[in-house]
Amino acid sequence: MEECPRHFECKVGWTKEWSAGRLMVCGKLVAASVNADCVDAKGYVHWDRIKPAHYCGAPYQNAFVAAYEAMSVDTPYNGPERDAFEAHRLSMFEDI
């Protein structure tokens, strides 16, 4: 069996049952680990190496979807909250 290069351990925070027996489960991350080659020298994750996925469940033929592919969309609202968020977002990566 191949070793897992990353793991996340979560504790169930809450569940919500939707119509037709659908269940949403949200949890809190309590532990995580990753192989050293999946993180750069500054501690940033190489998402293309980690390749996290989301499980979609039976209604979607038990499919998984990639959670590491980034996409950009235009923001329909430009106001002070968006400007504050953008400044915060940029400050997180100012050392890159």
PDB file of N, CA and C in Angstrom:
ATOM      1  N   MET A   1       0.838  -1.174   0.000  1.00  0.00           N
ATOM      2  CA  MET A   1       0.000   0.000   0.000  1.00  0.00           C
ATOM      3  C   MET A   1       0.893   1.250   0.000  1.00  0.00           C
ATOM      4  N   GLU A   2       0.525   2.234  -0.799  1.00  0.00           N
ATOM      5  CA  GLU A   2       1.298   3.475  -0.878  1.00  0.00           C
ATOM      6  C   GLU A   2       0.995   4.357   0.331  1.00  0.00           C
ATOM      7  N   GLU A   3       2.022   4.997   0.837  1.00  0.00           N
ATOM      8  CA  GLU A   3       1.869   5.889   1.972  1.00  0.00           C
ATOM      9  C   GLU A   3       1.156   7.170   1.562  1.00  0.00           C
ATOM     10  N   CYS A   4       0.380   7.738   2.458  1.00  0.00           N
ATOM     11  CA  CYS A   4      -0.340   8.983   2.181  1.00  0.00           C
ATOM     12  C   CYS A   4       0.599  10.170   2.418  1.00  0.00           C
ATOM     13  N   PRO A   5       0.803  11.044   1.413  1.00  0.00           N
ATOM     14  CA  PRO A   5       1.717  12.177   1.573  1.00  0.00           C
ATOM     15  C   PRO A   5       1.137  13.307   2.422  1.00  0.00           C
ATOM     16  N   ARG A   6      -0.149  13.218   2.781  1.00  0.00           N
ATOM     17  CA  ARG A   6      -0.764  14.248   3.623  1.00  0.00           C
ATOM     18  C   ARG A   6      -1.965  13.647   4.327  1.00  0.00           C
ATOM     19  N   HIS A   7      -2.319  14.237   5.453  1.00  0.00           N
ATOM     20  CA  HIS A   7      -3.515  13.787   6.152  1.00  0.00           C
ATOM     21  C   HIS A   7      -4.103  14.952   6.928  1.00  0.00           C
ATOM     22  N   PHE A   8      -5.404  14.945   7.047  1.00  0.00           N
ATOM     23  CA  PHE A   8      -6.137  15.913   7.849  1.00  0.00           C
ATOM     24  C   PHE A   8      -7.030  15.121   8.799  1.00  0.00           C
ATOM     25  N   GLU A   9      -6.994  15.479  10.059  1.00  0.00           N
ATOM     26  CA  GLU A   9      -7.870  14.854  11.042  1.00  0.00           C
ATOM     27  C   GLU A   9      -8.870  15.907  11.489  1.00  0.00           C
ATOM     28  N   CYS A  10     -10.133  15.578  11.365  1.00  0.00           N
ATOM     29  CA  CYS A  10     -11.189  16.540  11.677  1.00  0.00           C
ATOM     30  C   CYS A  10     -12.126  15.990  12.742  1.00  0.00           C
ATOM     31  N   LYS A  11     -12.779  16.899  13.440  1.00  0.00           N
ATOM     32  CA  LYS A  11     -13.806  16.559  14.417  1.00  0.00           C
ATOM     33  C   LYS A  11     -15.110  17.160  13.892  1.00  0.00           C
ATOM     34  N   VAL A  12     -16.163  16.374  13.885  1.00  0.00           N
ATOM     35  CA  VAL A  12     -17.450  16.851  13.374  1.00  0.00           C
ATOM     36  C   VAL A  12     -17.918  18.039  14.218  1.00  0.00           C
ATOM     37  N   GLY A  13     -18.206  19.144  13.533  1.00  0.00           N
ATOM     38  CA  GLY A  13     -18.718  20.340  14.202  1.00  0.00           C
ATOM     39  C   GLY A  13     -20.229  20.373  14.183  1.00  0.00           C
ATOM     40  N   TRP A  14     -20.789  20.091  13.007  1.00  0.00           N
ATOM     41  CA  TRP A  14     -22.240  20.042  12.870  1.00  0.00           C
ATOM     42  C   TRP A  14     -22.607  19.324  11.582  1.00  0.00           C
ATOM     43  N   THR A  15     -23.848  18.878  11.536  1.00  0.00           N
ATOM     44  CA  THR A  15     -24.385  18.249  10.335  1.00  0.00           C
ATOM     45  C   THR A  15     -25.712  18.912   9.997  1.00  0.00           C
ATOM     46  N   LYS A  16     -26.062  18.865   8.753  1.00  0.00           N
ATOM     47  CA  LYS A  16     -27.345  19.422   8.291  1.00  0.00           C
ATOM     48  C   LYS A  16     -27.915  18.452   7.273  1.00  0.00           C
ATOM     49  N   GLU A  17     -29.117  17.940   7.564  1.00  0.00           N
ATOM     50  CA  GLU A  17     -29.769  17.054   6.618  1.00  0.00           C
ATOM     51  C   GLU A  17     -30.621  17.883   5.679  1.00  0.00           C
ATOM     52  N   TRP A  18     -30.434  17.657   4.392  1.00  0.00           N
ATOM     53  CA  TRP A  18     -31.188  18.349   3.364  1.00  0.00           C
ATOM     54  C   TRP A  18     -32.258  17.414   2.825  1.00  0.00           C
ATOM     55  N   SER A  19     -32.980  17.836   1.857  1.00  0.00           N
ATOM     56  CA  SER A  19     -34.030  17.001   1.273  1.00  0.00           C
ATOM     57  C   SER A  19     -33.435  15.768   0.597  1.00  0.00           C
ATOM     58  N   ALA A  20     -34.252  14.775   0.433  1.00  0.00           N
ATOM     59  CA  ALA A  20     -33.887  13.534  -0.263  1.00  0.00           C
ATOM     60  C   ALA A  20     -32.701  12.819   0.384  1.00  0.00           C
ATOM     61  N   GLY A  21     -32.577  12.924   1.706  1.00  0.00           N
ATOM     62  CA  GLY A  21     -31.537  12.196   2.403  1.00  0.00           C
ATOM     63  C   GLY A  21     -30.129  12.728   2.245  1.00  0.00           C
ATOM     64  N   ARG A  22     -29.977  13.944   1.716  1.00  0.00           N
ATOM     65  CA  ARG A  22     -28.642  14.545   1.563  1.00  0.00           C
ATOM     66  C   ARG A  22     -28.163  15.025   2.925  1.00  0.00           C
ATOM     67  N   LEU A  23     -26.899  14.854   3.211  1.00  0.00           N
ATOM     68  CA  LEU A  23     -26.332  15.237   4.495  1.00  0.00           C
ATOM     69  C   LEU A  23     -25.074  16.060   4.278  1.00  0.00           C
ATOM     70  N   MET A  24     -25.009  17.219   4.895  1.00  0.00           N
ATOM     71  CA  MET A  24     -23.810  18.055   4.863  1.00  0.00           C
ATOM     72  C   MET A  24     -23.116  17.885   6.212  1.00  0.00           C
ATOM     73  N   VAL A  25     -21.821  17.632   6.180  1.00  0.00           N
ATOM     74  CA  VAL A  25     -21.037  17.471   7.395  1.00  0.00           C
ATOM     75  C   VAL A  25     -19.944  18.526   7.391  1.00  0.00           C
ATOM     76  N   CYS A  26     -19.878  19.331   8.430  1.00  0.00           N
ATOM     77  CA  CYS A  26     -18.817  20.336   8.570  1.00  0.00           C
ATOM     78  C   CYS A  26     -18.058  20.034   9.852  1.00  0.00           C
ATOM     79  N   GLY A  27     -16.755  20.190   9.760  1.00  0.00           N
ATOM     80  CA  GLY A  27     -15.939  19.858  10.909  1.00  0.00           C
ATOM     81  C   GLY A  27     -14.849  20.869  11.165  1.00  0.00           C
ATOM     82  N   LYS A  28     -14.141  20.633  12.229  1.00  0.00           N
ATOM     83  CA  LYS A  28     -13.021  21.486  12.625  1.00  0.00           C
ATOM     84  C   LYS A  28     -11.737  20.680  12.467  1.00  0.00           C
ATOM     85  N   LEU A  29     -10.754  21.271  11.837  1.00  0.00           N
ATOM     86  CA  LEU A  29      -9.460  20.627  11.665  1.00  0.00           C
ATOM     87  C   LEU A  29      -8.756  20.569  13.020  1.00  0.00           C
ATOM     88  N   VAL A  30      -8.349  19.377  13.427  1.00  0.00           N
ATOM     89  CA  VAL A  30      -7.661  19.236  14.710  1.00  0.00           C
ATOM     90  C   VAL A  30      -6.193  18.827  14.555  1.00  0.00           C
ATOM     91  N   ALA A  31      -5.847  18.274  13.393  1.00  0.00           N
ATOM     92  CA  ALA A  31      -4.453  17.904  13.149  1.00  0.00           C
ATOM     93  C   ALA A  31      -4.226  17.786  11.650  1.00  0.00           C
ATOM     94  N   ALA A  32      -3.004  18.054  11.229  1.00  0.00           N
ATOM     95  CA  ALA A  32      -2.653  17.915   9.820  1.00  0.00           C
ATOM     96  C   ALA A  32      -1.165  17.599   9.720  1.00  0.00           C
ATOM     97  N   SER A  33      -0.823  16.858   8.682  1.00  0.00           N
ATOM     98  CA  SER A  33       0.588  16.607   8.418  1.00  0.00           C
ATOM     99  C   SER A  33       0.769  16.478   6.913  1.00  0.00           C
ATOM    100  N   VAL A  34       1.999  16.723   6.465  1.00  0.00           N
ATOM    101  CA  VAL A  34       2.293  16.667   5.043  1.00  0.00           C
ATOM    102  C   VAL A  34       3.768  16.310   4.866  1.00  0.00           C
ATOM    103  N   ASN A  35       4.071  15.605   3.793  1.00  0.00           N
ATOM    104  CA  ASN A  35       5.468  15.312   3.497  1.00  0.00           C
ATOM    105  C   ASN A  35       6.222  16.616   3.245  1.00  0.00           C
ATOM    106  N   ALA A  36       7.483  16.645   3.585  1.00  0.00           N
ATOM    107  CA  ALA A  36       8.302  17.853   3.452  1.00  0.00           C
ATOM    108  C   ALA A  36       8.360  18.381   2.023  1.00  0.00           C
ATOM    109  N   ASP A  37       8.306  17.504   1.033  1.00  0.00           N
ATOM    110  CA  ASP A  37       8.398  17.969  -0.353  1.00  0.00           C
ATOM    111  C   ASP A  37       7.106  18.620  -0.858  1.00  0.00           C
ATOM    112  N   CYS A  38       6.077  18.653  -0.020  1.00  0.00           N
ATOM    113  CA  CYS A  38       4.811  19.289  -0.390  1.00  0.00           C
ATOM    114  C   CYS A  38       4.691  20.711   0.144  1.00  0.00           C
ATOM    115  N   VAL A  39       5.763  21.200   0.792  1.00  0.00           N
ATOM    116  CA  VAL A  39       5.776  22.544   1.381  1.00  0.00           C
ATOM    117  C   VAL A  39       7.078  23.225   0.966  1.00  0.00           C
ATOM    118  N   ASP A  40       6.981  24.530   0.630  1.00  0.00           N
ATOM    119  CA  ASP A  40       8.209  25.229   0.242  1.00  0.00           C
ATOM    120  C   ASP A  40       8.980  25.709   1.470  1.00  0.00           C
ATOM    121  N   ALA A  41      10.093  26.375   1.256  1.00  0.00           N
ATOM    122  CA  ALA A  41      10.973  26.811   2.349  1.00  0.00           C
ATOM    123  C   ALA A  41      10.296  27.800   3.292  1.00  0.00           C
ATOM    124  N   LYS A  42       9.286  28.515   2.816  1.00  0.00           N
ATOM    125  CA  LYS A  42       8.577  29.484   3.653  1.00  0.00           C
ATOM    126  C   LYS A  42       7.352  28.881   4.339  1.00  0.00           C
ATOM    127  N   GLY A  43       7.094  27.614   4.095  1.00  0.00           N
ATOM    128  CA  GLY A  43       5.959  26.953   4.735  1.00  0.00           C
ATOM    129  C   GLY A  43       4.675  26.981   3.928  1.00  0.00           C
ATOM    130  N   TYR A  44       4.731  27.470   2.697  1.00  0.00           N
ATOM    131  CA  TYR A  44       3.536  27.500   1.852  1.00  0.00           C
ATOM    132  C   TYR A  44       3.347  26.149   1.172  1.00  0.00           C
ATOM    133  N   VAL A  45       2.111  25.699   1.116  1.00  0.00           N
ATOM    134  CA  VAL A  45       1.786  24.398   0.536  1.00  0.00           C
ATOM    135  C   VAL A  45       1.880  24.442  -0.990  1.00  0.00           C
ATOM    136  N   HIS A  46       2.452  23.394  -1.568  1.00  0.00           N
ATOM    137  CA  HIS A  46       2.424  23.193  -3.022  1.00  0.00           C
ATOM    138  C   HIS A  46       1.125  22.439  -3.327  1.00  0.00           C
ATOM    139  N   TRP A  47       0.054  23.174  -3.644  1.00  0.00           N
ATOM    140  CA  TRP A  47      -1.255  22.556  -3.834  1.00  0.00           C
ATOM    141  C   TRP A  47      -1.256  21.547  -4.963  1.00  0.00           C
ATOM    142  N   ASP A  48      -0.426  21.748  -5.975  1.00  0.00           N
ATOM    143  CA  ASP A  48      -0.387  20.791  -7.080  1.00  0.00           C
ATOM    144  C   ASP A  48       0.229  19.458  -6.653  1.00  0.00           C
ATOM    145  N   ARG A  49       0.928  19.426  -5.527  1.00  0.00           N
ATOM    146  CA  ARG A  49       1.459  18.171  -5.000  1.00  0.00           C
ATOM    147  C   ARG A  49       0.506  17.537  -3.991  1.00  0.00           C
ATOM    148  N   ILE A  50      -0.181  18.374  -3.223  1.00  0.00           N
ATOM    149  CA  ILE A  50      -1.124  17.884  -2.219  1.00  0.00           C
ATOM    150  C   ILE A  50      -2.380  17.329  -2.894  1.00  0.00           C
ATOM    151  N   LYS A  51      -2.907  18.087  -3.847  1.00  0.00           N
ATOM    152  CA  LYS A  51      -4.098  17.732  -4.626  1.00  0.00           C
ATOM    153  C   LYS A  51      -5.285  17.276  -3.767  1.00  0.00           C
ATOM    154  N   PRO A  52      -5.784  18.159  -2.897  1.00  0.00           N
ATOM    155  CA  PRO A  52      -6.958  17.781  -2.107  1.00  0.00           C
ATOM    156  C   PRO A  52      -8.181  17.623  -3.012  1.00  0.00           C
ATOM    157  N   ALA A  53      -9.130  16.841  -2.553  1.00  0.00           N
ATOM    158  CA  ALA A  53     -10.355  16.610  -3.324  1.00  0.00           C
ATOM    159  C   ALA A  53     -11.550  16.622  -2.381  1.00  0.00           C
ATOM    160  N   HIS A  54     -12.705  16.930  -2.928  1.00  0.00           N
ATOM    161  CA  HIS A  54     -13.963  16.892  -2.178  1.00  0.00           C
ATOM    162  C   HIS A  54     -14.789  15.720  -2.673  1.00  0.00           C
ATOM    163  N   TYR A  55     -15.375  14.992  -1.759  1.00  0.00           N
ATOM    164  CA  TYR A  55     -16.252  13.884  -2.102  1.00  0.00           C
ATOM    165  C   TYR A  55     -17.645  14.430  -2.357  1.00  0.00           C
ATOM    166  N   CYS A  56     -18.241  14.088  -3.483  1.00  0.00           N
ATOM    167  CA  CYS A  56     -19.550  14.624  -3.862  1.00  0.00           C
ATOM    168  C   CYS A  56     -20.711  13.746  -3.420  1.00  0.00           C
ATOM    169  N   GLY A  57     -20.492  12.479  -3.220  1.00  0.00           N
ATOM    170  CA  GLY A  57     -21.547  11.604  -2.733  1.00  0.00           C
ATOM    171  C   GLY A  57     -22.288  10.857  -3.822  1.00  0.00           C
ATOM    172  N   ALA A  58     -23.195  10.000  -3.364  1.00  0.00           N
ATOM    173  CA  ALA A  58     -23.918   9.093  -4.248  1.00  0.00           C
ATOM    174  C   ALA A  58     -24.707   9.779  -5.357  1.00  0.00           C
ATOM    175  N   PRO A  59     -25.401  10.915  -5.105  1.00  0.00           N
ATOM    176  CA  PRO A  59     -26.157  11.519  -6.205  1.00  0.00           C
ATOM    177  C   PRO A  59     -25.275  11.920  -7.396  1.00  0.00           C
ATOM    178  N   TYR A  60     -23.993  12.049  -7.166  1.00  0.00           N
ATOM    179  CA  TYR A  60     -23.045  12.407  -8.232  1.00  0.00           C
ATOM    180  C   TYR A  60     -22.181  11.210  -8.606  1.00  0.00           C
ATOM    181  N   GLN A  61     -22.746  10.013  -8.517  1.00  0.00           N
ATOM    182  CA  GLN A  61     -22.051   8.765  -8.815  1.00  0.00           C
ATOM    183  C   GLN A  61     -20.763   8.625  -7.998  1.00  0.00           C
ATOM    184  N   ASN A  62     -20.833   9.064  -6.738  1.00  0.00           N
ATOM    185  CA  ASN A  62     -19.701   8.953  -5.807  1.00  0.00           C
ATOM    186  C   ASN A  62     -18.429   9.590  -6.348  1.00  0.00           C
ATOM    187  N   ALA A  63     -18.569  10.696  -7.048  1.00  0.00           N
ATOM    188  CA  ALA A  63     -17.436  11.376  -7.667  1.00  0.00           C
ATOM    189  C   ALA A  63     -16.682  12.249  -6.665  1.00  0.00           C
ATOM    190  N   PHE A  64     -15.444  12.533  -7.017  1.00  0.00           N
ATOM    191  CA  PHE A  64     -14.620  13.491  -6.297  1.00  0.00           C
ATOM    192  C   PHE A  64     -14.340  14.656  -7.241  1.00  0.00           C
ATOM    193  N   VAL A  65     -14.179  15.852  -6.699  1.00  0.00           N
ATOM    194  CA  VAL A  65     -13.811  17.004  -7.523  1.00  0.00           C
ATOM    195  C   VAL A  65     -12.516  17.594  -6.981  1.00  0.00           C
ATOM    196  N   ALA A  66     -11.694  18.108  -7.877  1.00  0.00           N
ATOM    197  CA  ALA A  66     -10.423  18.717  -7.487  1.00  0.00           C
ATOM    198  C   ALA A  66     -10.683  19.975  -6.669  1.00  0.00           C
ATOM    199  N   ALA A  67      -9.945  20.125  -5.580  1.00  0.00           N
ATOM    200  CA  ALA A  67     -10.083  21.303  -4.735  1.00  0.00           C
ATOM    201  C   ALA A  67      -8.808  22.123  -4.744  1.00  0.00           C
ATOM    202  N   TYR A  68      -7.968  21.917  -5.746  1.00  0.00           N
ATOM    203  CA  TYR A  68      -6.689  22.608  -5.812  1.00  0.00           C
ATOM    204  C   TYR A  68      -6.556  23.473  -7.055  1.00  0.00           C
ATOM    205  N   GLU A  69      -7.530  23.422  -7.944  1.00  0.00           N
ATOM    206  CA  GLU A  69      -7.476  24.236  -9.149  1.00  0.00           C
ATOM    207  C   GLU A  69      -8.080  25.606  -8.846  1.00  0.00           C
ATOM    208  N   ALA A  70      -7.316  26.652  -9.098  1.00  0.00           N
ATOM    209  CA  ALA A  70      -7.775  28.011  -8.801  1.00  0.00           C
ATOM    210  C   ALA A  70      -8.472  28.616 -10.009  1.00  0.00           C
ATOM    211  N   MET A  71      -9.437  29.462  -9.734  1.00  0.00           N
ATOM    212  CA  MET A  71     -10.098  30.210 -10.802  1.00  0.00           C
ATOM    213  C   MET A  71     -10.431  31.585 -10.268  1.00  0.00           C
ATOM    214  N   SER A  72     -10.504  32.540 -11.146  1.00  0.00           N
ATOM    215  CA  SER A  72     -10.836  33.902 -10.757  1.00  0.00           C
ATOM    216  C   SER A  72     -12.159  34.304 -11.373  1.00  0.00           C
ATOM    217  N   VAL A  73     -12.924  35.053 -10.618  1.00  0.00           N
ATOM    218  CA  VAL A  73     -14.177  35.611 -11.118  1.00  0.00           C
ATOM    219  C   VAL A  73     -14.212  37.080 -10.728  1.00  0.00           C
ATOM    220  N   ASP A  74     -14.870  37.872 -11.521  1.00  0.00           N
ATOM    221  CA  ASP A  74     -15.002  39.284 -11.195  1.00  0.00           C
ATOM    222  C   ASP A  74     -15.873  39.464  -9.959  1.00  0.00           C
ATOM    223  N   THR A  75     -15.522  40.411  -9.131  1.00  0.00           N
ATOM    224  CA  THR A  75     -16.302  40.724  -7.953  1.00  0.00           C
ATOM    225  C   THR A  75     -17.379  41.727  -8.337  1.00  0.00           C
ATOM    226  N   PRO A  76     -18.652  41.364  -8.158  1.00  0.00           N
ATOM    227  CA  PRO A  76     -19.729  42.270  -8.585  1.00  0.00           C
ATOM    228  C   PRO A  76     -19.885  43.493  -7.686  1.00  0.00           C
ATOM    229  N   TYR A  77     -19.263  43.466  -6.501  1.00  0.00           N
ATOM    230  CA  TYR A  77     -19.417  44.566  -5.557  1.00  0.00           C
ATOM    231  C   TYR A  77     -18.042  45.134  -5.242  1.00  0.00           C
ATOM    232  N   ASN A  78     -17.886  46.416  -5.371  1.00  0.00           N
ATOM    233  CA  ASN A  78     -16.643  47.087  -5.000  1.00  0.00           C
ATOM    234  C   ASN A  78     -16.956  48.111  -3.927  1.00  0.00           C
ATOM    235  N   GLY A  79     -16.676  47.758  -2.708  1.00  0.00           N
ATOM    236  CA  GLY A  79     -16.934  48.656  -1.586  1.00  0.00           C
ATOM    237  C   GLY A  79     -15.846  48.532  -0.549  1.00  0.00           C
ATOM    238  N   PRO A  80     -16.016  49.179   0.591  1.00  0.00           N
ATOM    239  CA  PRO A  80     -14.954  49.185   1.612  1.00  0.00           C
ATOM    240  C   PRO A  80     -14.642  47.792   2.164  1.00  0.00           C
ATOM    241  N   GLU A  81     -15.633  46.913   2.256  1.00  0.00           N
ATOM    242  CA  GLU A  81     -15.369  45.562   2.767  1.00  0.00           C
ATOM    243  C   GLU A  81     -14.465  44.792   1.810  1.00  0.00           C
ATOM    244  N   ARG A  82     -14.719  44.920   0.523  1.00  0.00           N
ATOM    245  CA  ARG A  82     -13.897  44.239  -0.470  1.00  0.00           C
ATOM    246  C   ARG A  82     -12.483  44.800  -0.455  1.00  0.00           C
ATOM    247  N   ASP A  83     -12.354  46.112  -0.369  1.00  0.00           N
ATOM    248  CA  ASP A  83     -11.027  46.732  -0.325  1.00  0.00           C
ATOM    249  C   ASP A  83     -10.239  46.270   0.898  1.00  0.00           C
ATOM    250  N   ALA A  84     -10.905  46.172   2.057  1.00  0.00           N
ATOM    251  CA  ALA A  84     -10.241  45.714   3.275  1.00  0.00           C
ATOM    252  C   ALA A  84      -9.793  44.261   3.131  1.00  0.00           C
ATOM    253  N   PHE A  85     -10.657  43.431   2.552  1.00  0.00           N
ATOM    254  CA  PHE A  85     -10.289  42.029   2.347  1.00  0.00           C
ATOM    255  C   PHE A  85      -9.108  41.911   1.390  1.00  0.00           C
ATOM    256  N   GLU A  86      -9.143  42.654   0.316  1.00  0.00           N
ATOM    257  CA  GLU A  86      -8.063  42.584  -0.672  1.00  0.00           C
ATOM    258  C   GLU A  86      -6.728  43.012  -0.054  1.00  0.00           C
ATOM    259  N   ALA A  87      -6.748  44.045   0.768  1.00  0.00           N
ATOM    260  CA  ALA A  87      -5.522  44.481   1.449  1.00  0.00           C
ATOM    261  C   ALA A  87      -5.011  43.378   2.382  1.00  0.00           C
ATOM    262  N   HIS A  88      -5.928  42.744   3.101  1.00  0.00           N
ATOM    263  CA  HIS A  88      -5.543  41.643   3.999  1.00  0.00           C
ATOM    264  C   HIS A  88      -4.979  40.472   3.198  1.00  0.00           C
ATOM    265  N   ARG A  89      -5.650  40.114   2.115  1.00  0.00           N
ATOM    266  CA  ARG A  89      -5.211  38.995   1.283  1.00  0.00           C
ATOM    267  C   ARG A  89      -3.800  39.228   0.747  1.00  0.00           C
ATOM    268  N   LEU A  90      -3.543  40.419   0.260  1.00  0.00           N
ATOM    269  CA  LEU A  90      -2.220  40.740  -0.273  1.00  0.00           C
ATOM    270  C   LEU A  90      -1.151  40.743   0.813  1.00  0.00           C
ATOM    271  N   SER A  91      -1.511  41.175   2.017  1.00  0.00           N
ATOM    272  CA  SER A  91      -0.525  41.217   3.106  1.00  0.00           C
ATOM    273  C   SER A  91      -0.081  39.835   3.538  1.00  0.00           C
ATOM    274  N   MET A  92      -0.931  38.840   3.341  1.00  0.00           N
ATOM    275  CA  MET A  92      -0.557  37.480   3.718  1.00  0.00           C
ATOM    276  C   MET A  92       0.576  36.945   2.859  1.00  0.00           C
ATOM    277  N   PHE A  93       0.735  37.494   1.653  1.00  0.00           N
ATOM    278  CA  PHE A  93       1.718  36.972   0.719  1.00  0.00           C
ATOM    279  C   PHE A  93       2.786  37.998   0.359  1.00  0.00           C
ATOM    280  N   GLU A  94       2.964  38.999   1.187  1.00  0.00           N
ATOM    281  CA  GLU A  94       3.927  40.053   0.831  1.00  0.00           C
ATOM    282  C   GLU A  94       5.369  39.563   0.860  1.00  0.00           C
ATOM    283  N   ASP A  95       5.604  38.415   1.512  1.00  0.00           N
ATOM    284  CA  ASP A  95       6.976  37.908   1.547  1.00  0.00           C
ATOM    285  C   ASP A  95       7.291  36.968   0.384  1.00  0.00           C
ATOM    286  N   ILE A  96       6.355  36.741  -0.484  1.00  0.00           N
ATOM    287  CA  ILE A  96       6.580  35.836  -1.633  1.00  0.00           C
ATOM    288  C   ILE A  96       7.267  36.585  -2.758  1.00  0.00           C
TER     289      ILE A  96
END
